[in-house]
């Protein structure tokens, strides 16, 4: 028997995007929402994250618009003194649970159905009881799973493992019962850098780490991605100035490195990956102590004492622990209109910053009547994988920012929301540092965006 549920919206996915959209929607609309997720609670992939993970960006940029994650504090000590705090995985999960109960379920605005699979056509089923549900009426479906990341904890290793080889997902690194003579980190993204840092912080000698990096990554300097508009817009100004004078995407990134915006681990190698999570200088210094880096393509097979890669083989210790950090992470699906005939499909709007994009979509859904107008105001922007992708992301994100920023109500809302990295609070309007940053950005944005469009094949 199917239980009928009444709602105005059916949000599929209770991770960062689904929570941010729902929170902003409820702030301006008197509606009833049903939220469904296959996991046991809210928070999405944070419920499966490795124990030592932290946000790679400032906490203020993450979460929902109504409720600041953390206390907006600047770190007073440690290697990141002077930078804004970054939440741990338990802090993020506790935050989302609190928002759910205090802002959504408690006031009776949201009915949350965890441990459920969405079947389509407004129907979902409990993974525990088998009970089926159907949301009837004119409920609008919100797809908050379109770009959900794939992480090692729930994604099989993309390489074969022979009997006797020791391979663990990064989550299980903390559970090892004894020291190995060698640790092999498989992957080149943020998860791999976190795993390397964790090992080094726990006393593992850099010489005992072998790092399989199929591609070297570009990363953003965390110091220039901070909740200070003078800093953030200054970084944006550096970006468009570097692009305006660049001869190629690689040249643009090298110029950004010289400007202190981008970082790379090995300055003798030009990276080909540009997902651009943030990295601090202290992390970069530690990562550079690892000399044993394998660049022979993707890992294909692990045997006791040997790695087989797409471009060769490498000997490893017989007792080596291979750490799987090689899940795809971000997804690169085609951009679609956020407001479609079948569903509202959440995607970033401003370049990156998915929580802001989802919250913006929720606010616009609640305050703008026509779907065509909503799509004009908030076109989606992609995630990036390569330097060329990154240029395209910047161009599309800038166009979207100009579009929604020209709408007085949306701009006023965005300037109050800490999730928006470019917000300008009223007390900073007359800041000389901010004025200088804005002036530099305006001077170079036309030429810089035109050059990045050229790099991306958009001109």
Protein backbone atom coordinates (compact mmCIF):
# COMPACT_ATOMS: atom_id res chain seq x y z
CA UNK A 1 0.00 0.00 0.00
CA UNK A 2 1.25 3.47 -0.88
CA UNK A 3 1.04 6.32 1.64
CA UNK A 4 0.04 9.64 0.13
CA UNK A 5 1.95 12.74 1.25
CA UNK A 6 0.89 16.32 0.57
CA UNK A 7 3.53 18.94 -0.23
CA UNK A 8 4.31 21.92 -2.43
CA UNK A 9 7.91 20.78 -3.07
CA UNK A 10 9.65 17.42 -3.12
CA UNK A 11 13.40 17.91 -2.56
CA UNK A 12 15.38 14.83 -3.55
CA UNK A 13 18.69 14.89 -1.71
CA UNK A 14 19.37 16.36 1.72
CA UNK A 15 23.00 17.27 1.23
CA UNK A 16 24.50 20.73 0.98
CA UNK A 17 22.52 21.75 -2.13
CA UNK A 18 19.15 20.43 -0.97
CA UNK A 19 19.49 21.99 2.47
CA UNK A 20 20.60 25.39 1.13
CA UNK A 21 17.76 25.53 -1.40
CA UNK A 22 15.11 24.52 1.13
CA UNK A 23 16.34 26.95 3.77
CA UNK A 24 16.25 29.93 1.39
CA UNK A 25 12.90 28.90 -0.07
CA UNK A 26 11.29 28.69 3.37
CA UNK A 27 12.66 32.08 4.31
CA UNK A 28 10.47 33.80 1.71
CA UNK A 29 7.64 31.34 0.92
CA UNK A 30 4.90 29.79 3.02
CA UNK A 31 5.16 26.27 1.61
CA UNK A 32 5.25 22.65 2.71
CA UNK A 33 8.33 20.64 1.73
CA UNK A 34 9.01 16.91 1.67
CA UNK A 35 12.71 16.08 1.71
CA UNK A 36 13.98 12.60 0.81
CA UNK A 37 17.46 11.13 1.15
CA UNK A 38 18.93 7.66 0.88
CA UNK A 39 21.23 8.30 3.83
CA UNK A 40 20.21 8.16 7.48
CA UNK A 41 20.30 11.91 8.01
CA UNK A 42 20.99 15.27 6.42
CA UNK A 43 24.43 16.39 5.29
CA UNK A 44 24.97 14.30 2.17
CA UNK A 45 28.49 13.02 1.62
CA UNK A 46 29.61 14.53 4.94
CA UNK A 47 27.95 11.55 6.63
CA UNK A 48 30.40 9.28 4.77
CA UNK A 49 33.47 11.53 4.82
CA UNK A 50 36.86 10.43 6.15
CA UNK A 51 37.30 11.32 9.83
CA UNK A 52 40.09 13.86 9.42
CA UNK A 53 38.47 15.91 6.65
CA UNK A 54 37.84 19.63 7.05
CA UNK A 55 36.18 22.09 4.77
CA UNK A 56 38.82 23.25 2.31
CA UNK A 57 37.22 26.70 2.34
CA UNK A 58 36.14 29.04 5.13
CA UNK A 59 33.13 27.79 7.12
CA UNK A 60 31.26 31.02 6.38
CA UNK A 61 31.02 30.04 2.70
CA UNK A 62 29.30 26.74 3.48
CA UNK A 63 25.90 25.65 4.75
CA UNK A 64 22.59 27.52 4.54
CA UNK A 65 21.87 31.22 4.19
CA UNK A 66 19.93 31.67 7.43
CA UNK A 67 22.45 30.11 9.82
CA UNK A 68 26.18 30.78 9.93
CA UNK A 69 28.32 27.65 10.11
CA UNK A 70 30.70 28.22 13.01
CA UNK A 71 31.16 31.54 14.71
CA UNK A 72 32.70 33.54 11.89
CA UNK A 73 35.96 33.36 13.80
CA UNK A 74 39.44 34.08 12.54
CA UNK A 75 42.03 31.57 13.69
CA UNK A 76 44.27 33.11 16.32
CA UNK A 77 46.98 30.45 16.40
CA UNK A 78 48.39 27.56 14.45
CA UNK A 79 49.59 27.40 10.85
CA UNK A 80 46.49 29.20 9.56
CA UNK A 81 46.50 32.07 12.04
CA UNK A 82 44.76 35.03 10.41
CA UNK A 83 42.55 32.87 8.17
CA UNK A 84 38.91 32.08 8.83
CA UNK A 85 37.97 28.87 10.62
CA UNK A 86 37.25 25.66 8.71
CA UNK A 87 34.76 23.17 10.13
CA UNK A 88 35.47 19.49 10.70
CA UNK A 89 33.18 16.76 9.39
CA UNK A 90 31.47 16.23 12.78
CA UNK A 91 30.89 19.97 13.05
CA UNK A 92 29.31 20.09 9.58
CA UNK A 93 27.05 17.10 10.31
CA UNK A 94 25.94 18.53 13.67
CA UNK A 95 25.24 21.89 12.01
CA UNK A 96 22.99 20.37 9.34
CA UNK A 97 21.12 18.25 11.93
CA UNK A 98 20.49 21.39 13.99
CA UNK A 99 19.28 23.38 10.97
CA UNK A 100 16.94 20.54 10.00
CA UNK A 101 15.29 20.32 13.39
CA UNK A 102 15.28 23.97 14.40
CA UNK A 103 14.51 25.62 11.06
CA UNK A 104 12.60 22.97 9.13
CA UNK A 105 11.07 19.98 10.91
CA UNK A 106 10.47 21.68 14.27
CA UNK A 107 8.29 24.49 12.88
CA UNK A 108 6.38 21.95 10.76
CA UNK A 109 7.57 23.27 7.40
CA UNK A 110 9.48 20.15 6.30
CA UNK A 111 8.77 16.43 6.51
CA UNK A 112 12.07 14.55 6.26
CA UNK A 113 12.20 10.95 5.02
CA UNK A 114 15.68 9.46 5.52
CA UNK A 115 16.78 6.01 4.30
CA UNK A 116 14.57 6.32 1.24
CA UNK A 117 15.21 5.81 -2.47
CA UNK A 118 13.47 8.16 -4.89
CA UNK A 119 11.74 6.21 -7.68
CA UNK A 120 10.60 9.12 -9.87
CA UNK A 121 7.12 10.49 -10.54
CA UNK A 122 6.86 11.76 -6.97
CA UNK A 123 7.32 8.29 -5.46
CA UNK A 124 9.87 7.00 -2.98
CA UNK A 125 10.37 3.88 -0.90
CA UNK A 126 11.91 3.22 2.51
CA UNK A 127 15.12 1.19 2.35
CA UNK A 128 14.32 -0.19 5.82
CA UNK A 129 10.60 -0.97 5.89
CA UNK A 130 9.83 -1.16 2.18
CA UNK A 131 6.93 1.27 2.68
CA UNK A 132 6.13 3.28 -0.43
CA UNK A 133 5.16 6.93 -0.51
CA UNK A 134 3.76 9.23 -3.16
CA UNK A 135 3.72 13.03 -3.16
CA UNK A 136 0.58 14.04 -5.00
CA UNK A 137 -0.82 17.28 -6.23
CA UNK A 138 1.25 20.00 -7.84
CA UNK A 139 4.42 19.40 -5.84
CA UNK A 140 7.47 20.64 -7.67
CA UNK A 141 10.45 18.25 -7.72
CA UNK A 142 13.85 19.66 -6.79
CA UNK A 143 16.78 17.50 -7.93
CA UNK A 144 19.58 18.14 -5.45
CA UNK A 145 21.56 15.08 -6.56
CA UNK A 146 22.51 16.08 -10.10
CA UNK A 147 26.10 16.95 -9.21
CA UNK A 148 26.43 14.93 -5.97
CA UNK A 149 30.11 13.99 -5.50
CA UNK A 150 31.42 10.44 -5.63
CA UNK A 151 33.76 9.76 -2.71
CA UNK A 152 36.09 6.84 -1.85
CA UNK A 153 33.98 5.57 1.08
CA UNK A 154 31.12 4.62 -1.22
CA UNK A 155 32.96 4.22 -4.55
CA UNK A 156 34.97 1.05 -5.32
CA UNK A 157 38.62 1.57 -6.13
CA UNK A 158 39.00 2.07 -9.90
CA UNK A 159 41.82 -0.47 -10.07
CA UNK A 160 42.21 -4.18 -9.56
CA UNK A 161 43.53 -5.64 -6.31
CA UNK A 162 45.35 -8.98 -6.21
CA UNK A 163 45.15 -11.37 -3.28
CA UNK A 164 47.57 -10.38 -0.57
CA UNK A 165 47.73 -6.69 -1.51
CA UNK A 166 46.73 -4.23 1.21
CA UNK A 167 44.31 -1.63 -0.17
CA UNK A 168 42.11 0.58 2.05
CA UNK A 169 39.76 3.44 1.36
CA UNK A 170 40.97 6.71 2.84
CA UNK A 171 38.27 6.43 5.55
CA UNK A 172 39.97 3.31 6.92
CA UNK A 173 43.40 4.89 7.16
CA UNK A 174 42.67 5.78 10.78
CA UNK A 175 41.84 2.14 11.62
CA UNK A 176 45.11 0.49 10.64
CA UNK A 177 46.29 -1.83 13.36
CA UNK A 178 50.00 -1.57 12.76
CA UNK A 179 52.64 0.53 11.04
CA UNK A 180 53.52 -0.24 7.44
CA UNK A 181 56.93 0.42 5.99
CA UNK A 182 55.33 2.29 3.09
CA UNK A 183 52.06 4.11 2.31
CA UNK A 184 50.97 4.53 -1.30
CA UNK A 185 48.51 7.39 -1.89
CA UNK A 186 46.47 6.81 -5.06
CA UNK A 187 44.92 10.02 -6.32
CA UNK A 188 45.84 13.63 -7.02
CA UNK A 189 42.96 15.71 -5.63
CA UNK A 190 42.01 17.21 -2.29
CA UNK A 191 41.38 13.81 -0.66
CA UNK A 192 44.88 12.67 -1.57
CA UNK A 193 46.46 15.86 -0.24
CA UNK A 194 44.50 15.47 3.00
CA UNK A 195 45.67 11.88 3.35
CA UNK A 196 49.30 12.89 2.83
CA UNK A 197 49.03 15.70 5.38
CA UNK A 198 47.37 13.39 7.92
CA UNK A 199 50.14 10.81 7.59
CA UNK A 200 52.84 13.45 7.94
CA UNK A 201 51.07 15.01 10.93
CA UNK A 202 51.03 11.58 12.57
CA UNK A 203 54.75 11.09 12.33
CA UNK A 204 55.09 9.14 9.10
CA UNK A 205 58.41 9.93 7.45
CA UNK A 206 58.01 11.61 4.04
CA UNK A 207 60.30 8.94 2.59
CA UNK A 208 57.76 6.28 3.55
CA UNK A 209 55.09 7.84 1.33
CA UNK A 210 54.73 7.04 -2.35
CA UNK A 211 52.28 9.34 -4.11
CA UNK A 212 50.67 8.16 -7.35
CA UNK A 213 49.65 11.36 -9.14
CA UNK A 214 48.26 10.70 -12.62
CA UNK A 215 47.86 14.46 -13.05
CA UNK A 216 49.31 17.30 -11.06
CA UNK A 217 46.75 19.73 -9.64
CA UNK A 218 46.43 23.48 -9.55
CA UNK A 219 45.01 24.67 -6.20
CA UNK A 220 43.78 28.02 -4.97
CA UNK A 221 45.76 29.76 -2.28
CA UNK A 222 43.41 29.69 0.72
CA UNK A 223 44.71 33.07 1.87
CA UNK A 224 43.02 34.81 -1.08
CA UNK A 225 39.65 33.01 -0.75
CA UNK A 226 38.44 34.54 2.49
CA UNK A 227 35.16 36.12 3.74
CA UNK A 228 36.52 39.61 3.19
CA UNK A 229 35.29 41.29 0.01
CA UNK A 230 38.47 43.31 -0.39
CA UNK A 231 40.47 40.06 -0.36
CA UNK A 232 38.09 38.05 -2.52
CA UNK A 233 37.48 40.78 -5.12
CA UNK A 234 41.21 41.46 -5.09
CA UNK A 235 41.72 37.82 -6.07
CA UNK A 236 39.10 38.22 -8.80
CA UNK A 237 40.96 41.30 -10.04
CA UNK A 238 44.23 39.36 -10.12
CA UNK A 239 42.45 36.64 -12.09
CA UNK A 240 41.08 38.84 -14.86
CA UNK A 241 44.34 40.80 -15.07
CA UNK A 242 46.32 37.57 -15.47
CA UNK A 243 43.89 36.28 -18.08
CA UNK A 244 43.98 39.52 -20.06
CA UNK A 245 47.73 39.23 -20.58
CA UNK A 246 47.96 35.47 -21.03
CA UNK A 247 48.77 33.65 -24.25
CA UNK A 248 47.19 30.32 -23.21
CA UNK A 249 45.37 28.67 -20.29
CA UNK A 250 48.69 27.36 -18.94
CA UNK A 251 50.22 30.83 -19.19
CA UNK A 252 47.21 32.23 -17.33
CA UNK A 253 47.73 29.80 -14.46
CA UNK A 254 51.45 30.53 -14.30
CA UNK A 255 50.63 34.23 -14.05
CA UNK A 256 48.11 33.47 -11.31
CA UNK A 257 50.81 31.54 -9.47
CA UNK A 258 53.10 34.55 -9.61
CA UNK A 259 50.24 36.71 -8.31
CA UNK A 260 49.82 34.40 -5.30
CA UNK A 261 46.41 33.12 -6.39
CA UNK A 262 47.28 29.60 -7.57
CA UNK A 263 49.58 26.99 -6.04
CA UNK A 264 51.17 23.85 -7.43
CA UNK A 265 53.10 21.25 -5.51
CA UNK A 266 55.95 20.78 -7.98
CA UNK A 267 57.04 23.93 -9.79
CA UNK A 268 58.87 21.85 -12.40
CA UNK A 269 55.61 20.30 -13.63
CA UNK A 270 52.79 22.18 -15.34
CA UNK A 271 49.54 20.82 -13.86
CA UNK A 272 46.77 19.57 -16.13
CA UNK A 273 44.09 19.35 -13.40
CA UNK A 274 42.25 22.48 -12.28
CA UNK A 275 39.46 21.47 -9.90
CA UNK A 276 41.10 24.12 -7.69
CA UNK A 277 40.24 23.32 -4.08
CA UNK A 278 41.99 25.64 -1.66
CA UNK A 279 45.32 24.85 -0.06
CA UNK A 280 47.27 26.70 2.62
CA UNK A 281 50.95 27.52 2.38
CA UNK A 282 51.78 25.29 5.35
CA UNK A 283 50.10 22.34 3.61
CA UNK A 284 52.02 23.07 0.43
CA UNK A 285 55.31 23.11 2.34
CA UNK A 286 54.58 19.70 3.86
CA UNK A 287 53.43 18.15 0.61
CA UNK A 288 56.68 19.23 -1.02
CA UNK A 289 58.62 17.02 1.42
CA UNK A 290 57.26 13.93 -0.37
CA UNK A 291 59.82 13.11 -3.06
CA UNK A 292 58.55 9.72 -4.25
CA UNK A 293 55.94 10.79 -6.79
CA UNK A 294 54.80 8.36 -9.50
CA UNK A 295 53.61 9.91 -12.76
CA UNK A 296 52.93 6.90 -14.95
CA UNK A 297 49.26 7.45 -15.62
CA UNK A 298 46.34 5.91 -13.77
CA UNK A 299 46.74 2.98 -11.41
CA UNK A 300 45.39 -0.20 -13.04
CA UNK A 301 46.28 -3.02 -10.66
CA UNK A 302 47.82 -3.47 -7.24
CA UNK A 303 49.81 -6.56 -6.31
CA UNK A 304 51.91 -7.35 -3.29
CA UNK A 305 55.16 -5.51 -4.03
CA UNK A 306 54.06 -3.98 -7.34
CA UNK A 307 51.88 -1.31 -8.91
CA UNK A 308 50.74 -1.68 -12.51
CA UNK A 309 49.91 1.66 -14.13
CA UNK A 310 48.73 2.66 -17.58
CA UNK A 311 52.26 3.77 -18.53
CA UNK A 312 54.48 1.39 -16.58
CA UNK A 313 55.14 -0.49 -13.36
CA UNK A 314 56.59 0.48 -9.98
CA UNK A 315 57.94 -1.68 -7.18
CA UNK A 316 56.56 -1.05 -3.68
CA UNK A 317 57.18 -2.62 -0.30
CA UNK A 318 55.60 -6.03 0.24
CA UNK A 319 53.71 -4.68 3.27
CA UNK A 320 52.75 -1.37 1.64
CA UNK A 321 49.31 0.02 2.38
CA UNK A 322 47.70 1.46 -0.75
CA UNK A 323 45.24 4.23 0.15
CA UNK A 324 42.34 4.63 -2.28
CA UNK A 325 41.73 8.37 -2.81
CA UNK A 326 40.86 7.95 -6.47
CA UNK A 327 37.08 8.45 -6.56
CA UNK A 328 35.91 10.97 -9.18
CA UNK A 329 34.70 13.51 -6.60
CA UNK A 330 32.89 16.28 -8.45
CA UNK A 331 30.68 15.29 -11.36
CA UNK A 332 30.86 16.94 -14.76
CA UNK A 333 27.39 16.48 -16.16
CA UNK A 334 25.95 18.69 -18.92
CA UNK A 335 24.59 22.06 -17.87
CA UNK A 336 20.81 22.18 -18.03
CA UNK A 337 18.38 25.00 -17.22
CA UNK A 338 17.92 25.06 -13.47
CA UNK A 339 14.16 25.53 -13.87
CA UNK A 340 13.03 22.77 -16.21
CA UNK A 341 9.71 21.21 -17.06
CA UNK A 342 10.36 18.09 -14.98
CA UNK A 343 12.35 19.47 -12.07
CA UNK A 344 14.41 22.25 -10.58
CA UNK A 345 17.94 20.91 -11.12
CA UNK A 346 20.38 22.51 -8.70
CA UNK A 347 23.77 23.53 -10.08
CA UNK A 348 26.33 26.23 -9.24
CA UNK A 349 25.50 29.73 -10.48
CA UNK A 350 28.38 31.95 -9.44
CA UNK A 351 31.68 30.19 -10.28
CA UNK A 352 32.02 27.42 -7.69
CA UNK A 353 30.43 27.94 -4.24
CA UNK A 354 27.60 25.42 -4.64
CA UNK A 355 25.92 26.33 -1.34
CA UNK A 356 25.47 29.90 -2.49
CA UNK A 357 24.14 28.75 -5.85
CA UNK A 358 21.55 26.47 -4.25
CA UNK A 359 20.48 29.14 -1.76
CA UNK A 360 20.21 31.68 -4.59
CA UNK A 361 18.00 29.27 -6.52
CA UNK A 362 15.78 28.85 -3.45
CA UNK A 363 15.47 32.60 -2.98
CA UNK A 364 14.67 33.18 -6.66
CA UNK A 365 12.13 30.34 -6.66
CA UNK A 366 10.33 32.06 -3.79
CA UNK A 367 10.46 35.60 -5.13
CA UNK A 368 10.30 35.47 -8.95
CA UNK A 369 7.13 34.24 -10.66
CA UNK A 370 8.14 33.11 -14.13
CA UNK A 371 10.49 30.18 -14.84
CA UNK A 372 11.87 31.83 -17.97
CA UNK A 373 12.76 34.90 -15.91
CA UNK A 374 14.36 32.71 -13.25
CA UNK A 375 16.53 30.98 -15.84
CA UNK A 376 17.58 34.31 -17.33
CA UNK A 377 18.55 35.60 -13.89
CA UNK A 378 20.35 32.43 -12.78
CA UNK A 379 22.01 30.47 -15.59
CA UNK A 380 24.10 27.55 -14.31
CA UNK A 381 27.88 27.38 -14.34
CA UNK A 382 29.98 24.20 -14.38
CA UNK A 383 32.67 22.75 -12.19
CA UNK A 384 36.13 22.68 -13.74
CA UNK A 385 38.55 19.83 -14.36
CA UNK A 386 41.19 21.33 -16.67
CA UNK A 387 42.60 24.85 -17.10
CA UNK A 388 40.40 25.27 -20.16
CA UNK A 389 37.34 24.18 -18.16
CA UNK A 390 38.31 26.63 -15.45
CA UNK A 391 38.31 29.49 -17.96
CA UNK A 392 34.83 28.50 -19.13
CA UNK A 393 33.60 28.29 -15.54
CA UNK A 394 34.87 31.81 -14.87
CA UNK A 395 33.17 33.24 -17.96
CA UNK A 396 29.80 31.59 -17.30
CA UNK A 397 29.95 32.36 -13.59
CA UNK A 398 30.73 36.02 -14.27
CA UNK A 399 27.84 36.28 -16.70
CA UNK A 400 25.50 34.77 -14.11
CA UNK A 401 26.79 37.15 -11.42
CA UNK A 402 26.13 40.14 -13.67
CA UNK A 403 22.63 38.82 -14.40
CA UNK A 404 21.37 38.20 -10.88
CA UNK A 405 23.37 41.16 -9.54
CA UNK A 406 21.37 43.51 -11.78
CA UNK A 407 18.14 42.56 -9.99
CA UNK A 408 17.74 44.89 -6.99
CA UNK A 409 15.98 42.42 -4.69
CA UNK A 410 18.38 39.59 -5.44
CA UNK A 411 21.44 41.83 -5.05
CA UNK A 412 20.16 43.10 -1.70
CA UNK A 413 19.62 39.53 -0.53
CA UNK A 414 23.01 38.34 -1.84
CA UNK A 415 24.83 41.16 -0.02
CA UNK A 416 23.37 39.92 3.27
CA UNK A 417 24.33 36.27 2.78
CA UNK A 418 27.70 35.07 4.06
CA UNK A 419 27.62 32.20 1.53
CA UNK A 420 28.22 34.81 -1.19
CA UNK A 421 32.01 35.33 -1.41
CA UNK A 422 31.60 38.66 -3.22
CA UNK A 423 29.00 40.18 -0.94
CA UNK A 424 29.61 43.79 0.08
CA UNK A 425 28.17 44.52 3.53
CA UNK A 426 26.94 48.08 4.12
CA UNK A 427 29.75 48.83 6.57
CA UNK A 428 32.38 48.11 3.89
CA UNK A 429 30.98 50.21 1.07
CA UNK A 430 33.43 53.03 1.81
CA UNK A 431 36.48 50.81 2.41
CA UNK A 432 39.53 52.14 0.48
CA UNK A 433 40.91 48.59 0.10
CA UNK A 434 37.64 47.39 -1.34
CA UNK A 435 37.39 50.35 -3.66
CA UNK A 436 40.89 49.65 -4.97
CA UNK A 437 40.05 45.98 -5.57
CA UNK A 438 36.80 46.83 -7.34
CA UNK A 439 38.61 49.41 -9.47
CA UNK A 440 41.23 46.89 -10.58
CA UNK A 441 38.55 44.30 -11.35
CA UNK A 442 36.55 46.74 -13.46
CA UNK A 443 39.66 47.82 -15.34
CA UNK A 444 40.56 44.29 -16.46
CA UNK A 445 37.29 42.33 -16.43
CA UNK A 446 36.37 43.02 -20.04
CA UNK A 447 39.69 41.97 -21.53
CA UNK A 448 40.15 39.15 -19.03
CA UNK A 449 36.77 37.57 -19.65
CA UNK A 450 37.18 37.95 -23.41
CA UNK A 451 40.51 36.13 -23.27
CA UNK A 452 39.12 33.34 -21.07
CA UNK A 453 36.18 32.94 -23.46
CA UNK A 454 38.74 32.60 -26.25
CA UNK A 455 40.65 29.94 -24.25
CA UNK A 456 37.39 28.04 -23.68
CA UNK A 457 36.36 28.19 -27.35
CA UNK A 458 33.37 30.39 -26.54
CA UNK A 459 34.23 33.43 -28.63
